[in-house]
């Protein structure tokens, strides 16, 4: 799979304290139970409030994952593949 990942800086500092339950970040699962998935590491933590855009160039999936520049930011994202399932040949 080929991904284009970009972080967009919103230029704002976090206003809330981080969740102490996630001092090393969170793993975001956006796969919705899909059979075929991909997991990607994200730079963690980010500098400030912002968002990652993730685009799979193979299946066309495009997602946005927000960040707050804190230790509890996303460190990875799991995506469900949108590519059509391949039919088995008999």
N, C-alpha and C. Protein backbone atom coordinates (compact mmCIF):
# COMPACT_ATOMS: atom_id res chain seq x y z
N UNK A 1 0.83 -1.17 0.00
CA UNK A 1 0.00 0.00 0.00
C UNK A 1 0.89 1.25 0.00
N UNK A 2 0.42 2.26 -0.68
CA UNK A 2 1.14 3.52 -0.76
C UNK A 2 0.28 4.61 -0.12
N UNK A 3 0.83 5.28 0.88
CA UNK A 3 0.09 6.30 1.60
C UNK A 3 0.76 7.66 1.47
N UNK A 4 -0.07 8.69 1.47
CA UNK A 4 0.41 10.06 1.57
C UNK A 4 -0.11 10.57 2.91
N UNK A 5 0.82 10.85 3.83
CA UNK A 5 0.45 11.30 5.18
C UNK A 5 1.02 12.71 5.36
N UNK A 6 0.16 13.61 5.82
CA UNK A 6 0.62 14.99 6.05
C UNK A 6 -0.01 15.51 7.32
N UNK A 7 0.81 16.20 8.14
CA UNK A 7 0.28 16.84 9.33
C UNK A 7 0.07 18.31 9.03
N UNK A 8 -1.10 18.83 9.39
CA UNK A 8 -1.46 20.23 9.16
C UNK A 8 -1.47 20.94 10.51
N UNK A 9 -0.62 21.93 10.66
CA UNK A 9 -0.49 22.69 11.90
C UNK A 9 -1.57 23.76 11.95
N UNK A 10 -2.42 23.72 12.98
CA UNK A 10 -3.47 24.72 13.14
C UNK A 10 -2.96 25.96 13.87
N UNK A 11 -1.71 25.91 14.38
CA UNK A 11 -1.11 27.07 15.03
C UNK A 11 -1.67 27.38 16.40
N UNK A 12 -2.37 26.43 17.02
CA UNK A 12 -2.94 26.65 18.36
C UNK A 12 -2.29 25.71 19.35
N UNK A 13 -2.07 26.20 20.55
CA UNK A 13 -1.55 25.38 21.64
C UNK A 13 -2.72 24.66 22.31
N UNK A 14 -2.46 23.49 22.92
CA UNK A 14 -3.55 22.77 23.60
C UNK A 14 -4.08 23.58 24.78
N UNK A 15 -5.38 23.48 25.01
CA UNK A 15 -6.02 24.19 26.13
C UNK A 15 -6.32 23.25 27.29
N UNK A 16 -6.46 21.97 27.00
CA UNK A 16 -6.80 20.99 28.03
C UNK A 16 -5.57 20.15 28.39
N UNK A 17 -5.59 19.62 29.60
CA UNK A 17 -4.52 18.74 30.03
C UNK A 17 -4.69 17.38 29.36
N UNK A 18 -3.57 16.67 29.12
CA UNK A 18 -3.67 15.35 28.49
C UNK A 18 -4.33 14.34 29.42
N UNK A 19 -4.90 13.32 28.83
CA UNK A 19 -5.50 12.22 29.58
C UNK A 19 -4.36 11.39 30.18
N UNK A 20 -4.26 11.31 31.51
CA UNK A 20 -3.16 10.57 32.13
C UNK A 20 -3.20 9.07 31.87
N UNK A 21 -4.33 8.56 31.38
CA UNK A 21 -4.43 7.13 31.06
C UNK A 21 -3.64 6.75 29.80
N UNK A 22 -3.23 7.76 29.01
CA UNK A 22 -2.53 7.50 27.75
C UNK A 22 -1.26 8.33 27.64
N UNK A 23 -0.29 8.09 28.52
CA UNK A 23 0.94 8.89 28.50
C UNK A 23 1.81 8.66 27.27
N UNK A 24 1.58 7.54 26.59
CA UNK A 24 2.36 7.20 25.39
C UNK A 24 1.53 7.29 24.12
N UNK A 25 0.39 7.95 24.17
CA UNK A 25 -0.45 8.11 22.98
C UNK A 25 -1.50 7.02 22.86
N UNK A 26 -2.32 7.19 21.82
CA UNK A 26 -3.39 6.23 21.57
C UNK A 26 -3.25 5.64 20.16
N UNK A 27 -3.79 4.46 20.01
CA UNK A 27 -3.87 3.80 18.70
C UNK A 27 -5.31 3.96 18.22
N UNK A 28 -5.49 4.68 17.13
CA UNK A 28 -6.82 4.96 16.61
C UNK A 28 -7.21 3.86 15.62
N UNK A 29 -8.35 3.24 15.84
CA UNK A 29 -8.85 2.18 14.96
C UNK A 29 -10.03 2.70 14.16
N UNK A 30 -9.81 2.96 12.88
CA UNK A 30 -10.86 3.43 11.99
C UNK A 30 -11.25 2.34 10.99
N UNK A 31 -10.94 1.09 11.29
CA UNK A 31 -11.14 -0.01 10.34
C UNK A 31 -12.58 -0.49 10.28
N UNK A 32 -13.39 -0.17 11.27
CA UNK A 32 -14.80 -0.59 11.30
C UNK A 32 -14.98 -2.08 11.06
N UNK A 33 -14.04 -2.88 11.58
CA UNK A 33 -14.16 -4.32 11.47
C UNK A 33 -13.83 -4.91 10.10
N UNK A 34 -13.22 -4.13 9.23
CA UNK A 34 -12.88 -4.61 7.89
C UNK A 34 -11.91 -5.79 7.96
N UNK A 35 -12.03 -6.70 6.98
CA UNK A 35 -11.12 -7.86 6.93
C UNK A 35 -9.71 -7.43 6.57
N UNK A 36 -9.59 -6.59 5.55
CA UNK A 36 -8.28 -6.11 5.10
C UNK A 36 -8.01 -4.76 5.76
N UNK A 37 -6.89 -4.67 6.48
CA UNK A 37 -6.54 -3.42 7.17
C UNK A 37 -5.08 -3.09 6.96
N UNK A 38 -4.76 -1.84 7.24
CA UNK A 38 -3.39 -1.35 7.27
C UNK A 38 -3.23 -0.55 8.55
N UNK A 39 -2.06 -0.64 9.17
CA UNK A 39 -1.76 0.16 10.35
C UNK A 39 -0.56 1.03 10.05
N UNK A 40 -0.67 2.30 10.41
CA UNK A 40 0.39 3.26 10.13
C UNK A 40 0.83 3.95 11.41
N UNK A 41 2.12 4.11 11.60
CA UNK A 41 2.64 4.88 12.72
C UNK A 41 2.57 6.36 12.36
N UNK A 42 2.25 7.18 13.35
CA UNK A 42 2.20 8.63 13.17
C UNK A 42 3.27 9.26 14.04
N UNK A 43 3.84 10.38 13.59
CA UNK A 43 4.79 11.10 14.44
C UNK A 43 4.05 11.51 15.70
N UNK A 44 4.67 11.25 16.84
CA UNK A 44 3.98 11.45 18.12
C UNK A 44 4.94 11.99 19.15
N UNK A 45 4.55 12.95 19.96
CA UNK A 45 3.37 13.78 19.81
C UNK A 45 3.64 14.89 18.80
N UNK A 46 2.61 15.59 18.39
CA UNK A 46 2.77 16.68 17.45
C UNK A 46 3.12 17.97 18.21
N UNK A 47 3.51 18.99 17.47
CA UNK A 47 3.94 20.25 18.09
C UNK A 47 2.78 21.02 18.73
N UNK A 48 1.65 21.01 18.07
CA UNK A 48 0.49 21.81 18.49
C UNK A 48 -0.79 21.12 18.03
N UNK A 49 -1.88 21.83 18.18
CA UNK A 49 -3.16 21.34 17.65
C UNK A 49 -3.07 21.29 16.13
N UNK A 50 -3.62 20.25 15.56
CA UNK A 50 -3.60 20.10 14.12
C UNK A 50 -4.33 18.84 13.70
N UNK A 51 -4.00 18.36 12.52
CA UNK A 51 -4.65 17.15 12.01
C UNK A 51 -3.75 16.47 10.99
N UNK A 52 -3.78 15.15 11.01
CA UNK A 52 -3.15 14.35 9.97
C UNK A 52 -4.17 14.08 8.89
N UNK A 53 -3.77 14.21 7.65
CA UNK A 53 -4.57 13.68 6.55
C UNK A 53 -3.84 12.46 6.04
N UNK A 54 -4.57 11.39 5.86
CA UNK A 54 -4.01 10.12 5.40
C UNK A 54 -4.77 9.70 4.15
N UNK A 55 -4.05 9.52 3.05
CA UNK A 55 -4.68 9.13 1.79
C UNK A 55 -4.00 7.86 1.28
N UNK A 56 -4.78 6.81 1.09
CA UNK A 56 -4.25 5.58 0.49
C UNK A 56 -4.36 5.74 -1.02
N UNK A 57 -3.23 5.70 -1.68
CA UNK A 57 -3.21 5.87 -3.13
C UNK A 57 -3.66 4.61 -3.87
N UNK A 58 -3.75 3.49 -3.15
CA UNK A 58 -4.19 2.25 -3.78
C UNK A 58 -5.71 2.11 -3.80
N UNK A 59 -6.36 2.36 -2.66
CA UNK A 59 -7.81 2.15 -2.60
C UNK A 59 -8.59 3.46 -2.56
N UNK A 60 -7.92 4.60 -2.38
CA UNK A 60 -8.58 5.89 -2.40
C UNK A 60 -9.11 6.37 -1.06
N UNK A 61 -8.97 5.58 -0.02
CA UNK A 61 -9.45 5.99 1.30
C UNK A 61 -8.75 7.28 1.74
N UNK A 62 -9.51 8.20 2.30
CA UNK A 62 -8.97 9.46 2.80
C UNK A 62 -9.58 9.71 4.18
N UNK A 63 -8.72 9.86 5.20
CA UNK A 63 -9.20 10.11 6.55
C UNK A 63 -8.45 11.28 7.15
N UNK A 64 -9.06 11.87 8.19
CA UNK A 64 -8.45 12.95 8.95
C UNK A 64 -8.42 12.53 10.42
N UNK A 65 -7.26 12.67 11.06
CA UNK A 65 -7.09 12.34 12.46
C UNK A 65 -6.58 13.59 13.17
N UNK A 66 -7.33 14.09 14.14
CA UNK A 66 -6.93 15.32 14.81
C UNK A 66 -5.90 15.07 15.90
N UNK A 67 -5.12 16.12 16.20
CA UNK A 67 -4.09 16.07 17.23
C UNK A 67 -4.18 17.33 18.09
N UNK A 68 -3.57 17.26 19.28
CA UNK A 68 -3.63 18.39 20.19
C UNK A 68 -2.26 18.79 20.73
N UNK A 69 -1.19 18.16 20.23
CA UNK A 69 0.14 18.49 20.72
C UNK A 69 0.36 18.05 22.15
N UNK A 70 -0.21 16.91 22.52
CA UNK A 70 -0.10 16.40 23.89
C UNK A 70 0.35 14.94 23.86
N UNK A 71 0.77 14.42 25.02
CA UNK A 71 1.19 13.01 25.08
C UNK A 71 0.10 12.02 24.71
N UNK A 72 -1.17 12.39 24.86
CA UNK A 72 -2.26 11.46 24.54
C UNK A 72 -2.73 11.56 23.09
N UNK A 73 -1.94 12.20 22.25
CA UNK A 73 -2.24 12.27 20.81
C UNK A 73 -2.19 10.88 20.17
N UNK A 74 -2.79 10.73 18.98
CA UNK A 74 -2.68 9.46 18.25
C UNK A 74 -1.23 9.16 17.88
N UNK A 75 -0.83 7.90 18.09
CA UNK A 75 0.51 7.46 17.70
C UNK A 75 0.45 6.51 16.50
N UNK A 76 -0.76 5.99 16.24
CA UNK A 76 -0.95 5.13 15.07
C UNK A 76 -2.41 5.18 14.65
N UNK A 77 -2.65 4.75 13.41
CA UNK A 77 -4.02 4.67 12.91
C UNK A 77 -4.16 3.37 12.12
N UNK A 78 -5.27 2.66 12.36
CA UNK A 78 -5.58 1.42 11.65
C UNK A 78 -6.75 1.70 10.72
N UNK A 79 -6.58 1.38 9.45
CA UNK A 79 -7.56 1.69 8.42
C UNK A 79 -8.11 0.43 7.78
N UNK A 80 -9.38 0.47 7.41
CA UNK A 80 -9.99 -0.61 6.65
C UNK A 80 -9.82 -0.34 5.17
N UNK A 81 -9.38 -1.33 4.43
CA UNK A 81 -9.14 -1.16 3.00
C UNK A 81 -10.46 -1.06 2.24
N UNK A 82 -10.52 -0.12 1.29
CA UNK A 82 -11.72 0.06 0.47
C UNK A 82 -11.59 -0.63 -0.89
N UNK A 83 -10.47 -1.28 -1.14
CA UNK A 83 -10.28 -1.96 -2.43
C UNK A 83 -11.30 -3.09 -2.55
N UNK A 84 -11.84 -3.30 -3.73
CA UNK A 84 -12.79 -4.41 -3.90
C UNK A 84 -12.11 -5.74 -3.59
N UNK A 85 -12.85 -6.61 -2.93
CA UNK A 85 -12.31 -7.94 -2.62
C UNK A 85 -12.07 -8.70 -3.90
N UNK A 86 -10.95 -9.43 -3.95
CA UNK A 86 -10.63 -10.23 -5.12
C UNK A 86 -11.42 -11.53 -5.06
N UNK A 87 -12.01 -11.90 -6.18
CA UNK A 87 -12.79 -13.14 -6.26
C UNK A 87 -11.85 -14.30 -6.43
N UNK A 88 -12.16 -15.38 -5.70
CA UNK A 88 -11.36 -16.59 -5.82
C UNK A 88 -11.68 -17.27 -7.15
N UNK A 89 -10.65 -17.82 -7.78
CA UNK A 89 -10.84 -18.53 -9.05
C UNK A 89 -10.84 -20.02 -8.76
N UNK A 90 -11.77 -20.72 -9.36
CA UNK A 90 -11.85 -22.19 -9.17
C UNK A 90 -11.08 -22.90 -10.24
